[in-house]
C-alpha atoms as a PDB file:
ATOM      1  CA  MET A   1      46.992 -46.494 -25.560  1.00  0.00           C
ATOM      2  CA  PRO A   2      45.338 -43.107 -25.699  1.00  0.00           C
ATOM      3  CA  ASN A   3      47.386 -40.053 -25.291  1.00  0.00           C
ATOM      4  CA  LEU A   4      47.689 -39.105 -21.616  1.00  0.00           C
ATOM      5  CA  ALA A   5      47.254 -35.404 -22.405  1.00  0.00           C
ATOM      6  CA  SER A   6      43.961 -35.963 -24.237  1.00  0.00           C
ATOM      7  CA  VAL A   7      42.605 -38.115 -21.403  1.00  0.00           C
ATOM      8  CA  LEU A   8      43.618 -35.481 -18.882  1.00  0.00           C
ATOM      9  CA  LYS A   9      41.992 -32.728 -20.992  1.00  0.00           C
ATOM     10  CA  GLU A  10      38.797 -34.764 -21.282  1.00  0.00           C
ATOM     11  CA  GLU A  11      38.663 -35.323 -17.524  1.00  0.00           C
ATOM     12  CA  ILE A  12      39.263 -31.634 -16.840  1.00  0.00           C
ATOM     13  CA  ARG A  13      36.486 -30.723 -19.331  1.00  0.00           C
ATOM     14  CA  ARG A  14      34.090 -33.165 -17.652  1.00  0.00           C
ATOM     15  CA  LEU A  15      34.790 -31.823 -14.165  1.00  0.00           C
ATOM     16  CA  ALA A  16      34.521 -28.208 -15.340  1.00  0.00           C
ATOM     17  CA  ARG A  17      31.153 -28.943 -16.994  1.00  0.00           C
ATOM     18  CA  LYS A  18      29.936 -30.663 -13.828  1.00  0.00           C
ATOM     19  CA  GLU A  19      31.025 -27.732 -11.676  1.00  0.00           C
ATOM     20  CA  SER A  20      29.560 -25.114 -14.022  1.00  0.00           C
ATOM     21  CA  ARG A  21      26.236 -27.015 -14.182  1.00  0.00           C
ATOM     22  CA  ALA A  22      26.052 -26.999 -10.382  1.00  0.00           C
ATOM     23  CA  GLN A  23      26.701 -23.261 -10.257  1.00  0.00           C
ATOM     24  CA  VAL A  24      24.259 -22.531 -13.072  1.00  0.00           C
ATOM     25  CA  ARG A  25      21.627 -24.675 -11.351  1.00  0.00           C
ATOM     26  CA  ALA A  26      22.046 -22.660  -8.139  1.00  0.00           C
ATOM     27  CA  ALA A  27      21.845 -19.394 -10.087  1.00  0.00           C
ATOM     28  CA  ARG A  28      18.686 -20.566 -11.881  1.00  0.00           C
ATOM     29  CA  ARG A  29      17.070 -21.519  -8.582  1.00  0.00           C
ATOM     30  CA  ALA A  30      17.948 -18.121  -7.125  1.00  0.00           C
ATOM     31  CA  ALA A  31      16.620 -16.358 -10.229  1.00  0.00           C
ATOM     32  CA  ALA A  32      13.373 -18.336 -10.050  1.00  0.00           C
ATOM     33  CA  ALA A  33      13.019 -17.458  -6.359  1.00  0.00           C
ATOM     34  CA  HIS A  34      13.622 -13.791  -7.169  1.00  0.00           C
ATOM     35  CA  ARG A  35      11.021 -13.872  -9.940  1.00  0.00           C
ATOM     36  CA  ARG A  36       8.496 -15.393  -7.521  1.00  0.00           C
ATOM     37  CA  ASP A  37       9.287 -12.726  -4.940  1.00  0.00           C
ATOM     38  CA  ILE A  38       8.967  -9.966  -7.531  1.00  0.00           C
ATOM     39  CA  ALA A  39       5.639 -11.347  -8.723  1.00  0.00           C
ATOM     40  CA  ALA A  40       4.380 -11.476  -5.119  1.00  0.00           C
ATOM     41  CA  LEU A  41       5.522  -7.905  -4.534  1.00  0.00           C
ATOM     42  CA  LYS A  42       3.826  -6.761  -7.744  1.00  0.00           C
ATOM     43  CA  ARG A  43       0.577  -8.380  -6.603  1.00  0.00           C
ATOM     44  CA  GLN A  44       0.934  -6.690  -3.233  1.00  0.00           C
ATOM     45  CA  VAL A  45       1.581  -3.301  -4.858  1.00  0.00           C
ATOM     46  CA  GLN A  46      -1.487  -3.728  -7.073  1.00  0.00           C
ATOM     47  CA  SER A  47      -3.583  -4.591  -4.042  1.00  0.00           C
ATOM     48  CA  LEU A  48      -2.285  -1.563  -2.159  1.00  0.00           C
ATOM     49  CA  LYS A  49      -2.910   0.694  -5.160  1.00  0.00           C
ATOM     50  CA  LYS A  50      -6.504  -0.503  -5.271  1.00  0.00           C
ATOM     51  CA  GLN A  51      -6.897   0.176  -1.562  1.00  0.00           C
ATOM     52  CA  VAL A  52      -5.410   3.668  -1.899  1.00  0.00           C
ATOM     53  CA  ALA A  53      -7.654   4.451  -4.866  1.00  0.00           C
ATOM     54  CA  PHE A  54     -10.689   3.261  -2.915  1.00  0.00           C
ATOM     55  CA  LEU A  55      -9.733   5.311   0.137  1.00  0.00           C
ATOM     56  CA  GLU A  56      -9.037   8.386  -1.994  1.00  0.00           C
ATOM     57  CA  SER A  57     -12.447   8.114  -3.609  1.00  0.00           C
ATOM     58  CA  GLN A  58     -14.050   7.718  -0.188  1.00  0.00           C
ATOM     59  CA  GLU A  59     -12.171  10.760   1.105  1.00  0.00           C
ATOM     60  CA  LYS A  60     -13.147  12.795  -1.969  1.00  0.00           C
ATOM     61  CA  ARG A  61     -16.776  11.915  -1.363  1.00  0.00           C
ATOM     62  CA  ARG A  62     -16.435  12.823   2.310  1.00  0.00           C
ATOM     63  CA  VAL A  63     -14.847  16.185   1.518  1.00  0.00           C
ATOM     64  CA  ALA A  64     -17.444  16.901  -1.164  1.00  0.00           C
ATOM     65  CA  LYS A  65     -20.292  16.100   1.215  1.00  0.00           C
ATOM     66  CA  LEU A  66     -19.028  18.183   4.123  1.00  0.00           C
ATOM     67  CA  THR A  67     -21.995  19.370   6.008  1.00  0.00           C
ATOM     68  CA  LEU A  68     -22.368  23.004   5.286  1.00  0.00           C
ATOM     69  CA  GLU A  69     -25.237  23.490   7.667  1.00  0.00           C
ATOM     70  CA  ALA A  70     -25.035  26.467   9.947  1.00  0.00           C
ATOM     71  CA  PRO A  71     -24.570  25.778  13.619  1.00  0.00           C
ATOM     72  CA  SER A  72     -27.381  26.802  15.885  1.00  0.00           C
ATOM     73  CA  GLY A  73     -27.472  30.516  16.453  1.00  0.00           C
ATOM     74  CA  GLN A  74     -26.817  33.554  14.350  1.00  0.00           C
ATOM     75  CA  LEU A  75     -23.792  33.674  12.075  1.00  0.00           C
ATOM     76  CA  ARG A  76     -21.956  36.904  11.490  1.00  0.00           C
ATOM     77  CA  PHE A  77     -19.911  37.854   8.464  1.00  0.00           C
ATOM     78  CA  SER A  78     -16.772  39.962   8.359  1.00  0.00           C
ATOM     79  CA  ALA A  79     -15.151  40.831   5.042  1.00  0.00           C
ATOM     80  CA  ARG A  80     -11.888  41.618   6.818  1.00  0.00           C
ATOM     81  CA  TRP A  81     -11.837  38.231   8.544  1.00  0.00           C
ATOM     82  CA  LEU A  82     -12.488  36.475   5.230  1.00  0.00           C
ATOM     83  CA  LYS A  83      -9.570  38.239   3.548  1.00  0.00           C
ATOM     84  CA  VAL A  84      -7.229  37.560   6.471  1.00  0.00           C
ATOM     85  CA  HIS A  85      -8.288  33.910   6.629  1.00  0.00           C
ATOM     86  CA  ARG A  86      -7.711  33.386   2.911  1.00  0.00           C
ATOM     87  CA  GLN A  87      -4.303  35.073   3.109  1.00  0.00           C
ATOM     88  CA  ARG A  88      -3.374  33.027   6.169  1.00  0.00           C
ATOM     89  CA  LEU A  89      -4.216  29.875   4.227  1.00  0.00           C
ATOM     90  CA  GLY A  90      -2.085  31.204   1.382  1.00  0.00           C
ATOM     91  CA  ILE A  91      -4.525  30.278  -1.360  1.00  0.00           C
ATOM     92  CA  SER A  92      -6.116  32.176  -4.205  1.00  0.00           C
ATOM     93  CA  ALA A  93      -9.684  33.422  -4.242  1.00  0.00           C
ATOM     94  CA  ALA A  94     -10.476  30.721  -6.807  1.00  0.00           C
ATOM     95  CA  ASP A  95      -9.179  27.971  -4.512  1.00  0.00           C
ATOM     96  CA  TYR A  96     -10.963  29.504  -1.527  1.00  0.00           C
ATOM     97  CA  GLY A  97     -14.109  29.525  -3.644  1.00  0.00           C
ATOM     98  CA  LYS A  98     -13.696  25.800  -4.268  1.00  0.00           C
ATOM     99  CA  LEU A  99     -13.573  25.225  -0.523  1.00  0.00           C
ATOM    100  CA  VAL A 100     -16.818  27.143   0.056  1.00  0.00           C
ATOM    101  CA  LYS A 101     -18.442  26.130  -3.246  1.00  0.00           C
ATOM    102  CA  ALA A 102     -18.468  29.643  -4.678  1.00  0.00           C
ATOM    103  CA  SER A 103     -16.751  31.376  -7.577  1.00  0.00           C
ATOM    104  CA  ALA A 104     -13.543  33.366  -7.292  1.00  0.00           C
ATOM    105  CA  LEU A 105     -15.389  36.564  -8.152  1.00  0.00           C
ATOM    106  CA  THR A 106     -17.905  35.908  -5.392  1.00  0.00           C
ATOM    107  CA  VAL A 107     -15.108  35.439  -2.862  1.00  0.00           C
ATOM    108  CA  TYR A 108     -13.474  38.646  -4.105  1.00  0.00           C
ATOM    109  CA  ASN A 109     -16.762  40.540  -3.740  1.00  0.00           C
ATOM    110  CA  TRP A 110     -17.220  39.154  -0.229  1.00  0.00           C
ATOM    111  CA  GLU A 111     -13.688  40.238   0.710  1.00  0.00           C
ATOM    112  CA  SER A 112     -14.066  43.723  -0.707  1.00  0.00           C
ATOM    113  CA  GLY A 113     -17.425  44.189   1.019  1.00  0.00           C
ATOM    114  CA  LYS A 114     -19.328  44.658  -2.223  1.00  0.00           C
ATOM    115  CA  SER A 115     -21.638  41.799  -1.312  1.00  0.00           C
ATOM    116  CA  LYS A 116     -22.431  39.520   1.593  1.00  0.00           C
ATOM    117  CA  PRO A 117     -22.865  35.760   1.490  1.00  0.00           C
ATOM    118  CA  ARG A 118     -26.288  34.199   1.648  1.00  0.00           C
ATOM    119  CA  ARG A 119     -27.233  31.662   4.286  1.00  0.00           C
ATOM    120  CA  GLU A 120     -25.556  28.778   2.400  1.00  0.00           C
ATOM    121  CA  GLY A 121     -22.399  30.828   1.944  1.00  0.00           C
ATOM    122  CA  LEU A 122     -22.330  31.726   5.623  1.00  0.00           C
ATOM    123  CA  ALA A 123     -22.725  28.081   6.513  1.00  0.00           C
ATOM    124  CA  ALA A 124     -19.863  27.161   4.193  1.00  0.00           C
ATOM    125  CA  LEU A 125     -17.660  29.852   5.714  1.00  0.00           C
ATOM    126  CA  ALA A 126     -18.535  28.627   9.194  1.00  0.00           C
ATOM    127  CA  ALA A 127     -17.609  25.079   8.165  1.00  0.00           C
ATOM    128  CA  ILE A 128     -14.071  26.102   7.189  1.00  0.00           C
ATOM    129  CA  ARG A 129     -13.549  28.672   9.935  1.00  0.00           C
ATOM    130  CA  GLY A 130     -11.023  26.598  11.891  1.00  0.00           C
ATOM    131  CA  LEU A 131      -9.254  25.287   8.805  1.00  0.00           C
ATOM    132  CA  ARG A 132      -5.461  25.456   8.753  1.00  0.00           C
ATOM    133  CA  ARG A 133      -3.222  25.703   5.709  1.00  0.00           C
ATOM    134  CA  ARG A 134      -2.249  22.028   5.514  1.00  0.00           C
ATOM    135  CA  GLU A 135      -5.835  20.815   5.836  1.00  0.00           C
ATOM    136  CA  ALA A 136      -7.026  23.390   3.296  1.00  0.00           C
ATOM    137  CA  LEU A 137      -4.435  22.248   0.761  1.00  0.00           C
ATOM    138  CA  LYS A 138      -5.367  18.631   1.431  1.00  0.00           C
ATOM    139  CA  ARG A 139      -9.052  19.382   0.830  1.00  0.00           C
ATOM    140  CA  LEU A 140      -8.254  21.267  -2.359  1.00  0.00           C
ATOM    141  CA  GLU A 141      -6.222  18.306  -3.583  1.00  0.00           C
ATOM    142  CA  MET A 142      -9.128  15.999  -2.832  1.00  0.00           C
ATOM    143  CA  LEU A 143     -11.512  18.320  -4.654  1.00  0.00           C
ATOM    144  CA  GLY A 144      -9.223  18.288  -7.668  1.00  0.00           C
ATOM    145  CA  GLY A 145      -7.989  21.825  -7.366  1.00  0.00           C
END
């Protein structure tokens, strides 16, 4: 007759293995479900990144192609207004130049009254006349500045 202690130990080992297998099986199922969820979320993030990249490129094109045509009627230029507007936006002459498609030195010369903008420059200034700081910074970001 086998030893009662060894039989009892064997039965306890068998039941413990059975219980641990059940728990491990549940953990594996949960881990597999989590991996599936993570993979789905990664696919969704990739899709959203593509959409954002597409929309950013569209917005960059839109900002770059802003119509700089002068409105009907005569446009006037004021060096003082230009300086105040740039300071109100809180941007440098170089950044302001990017908004109006001119160099920083040109903007500086316009502000100091040493020169006046041509028709295209006036149209560009008219196009950003109502621009606020947040929108100006957003446009500069889109233009890569």
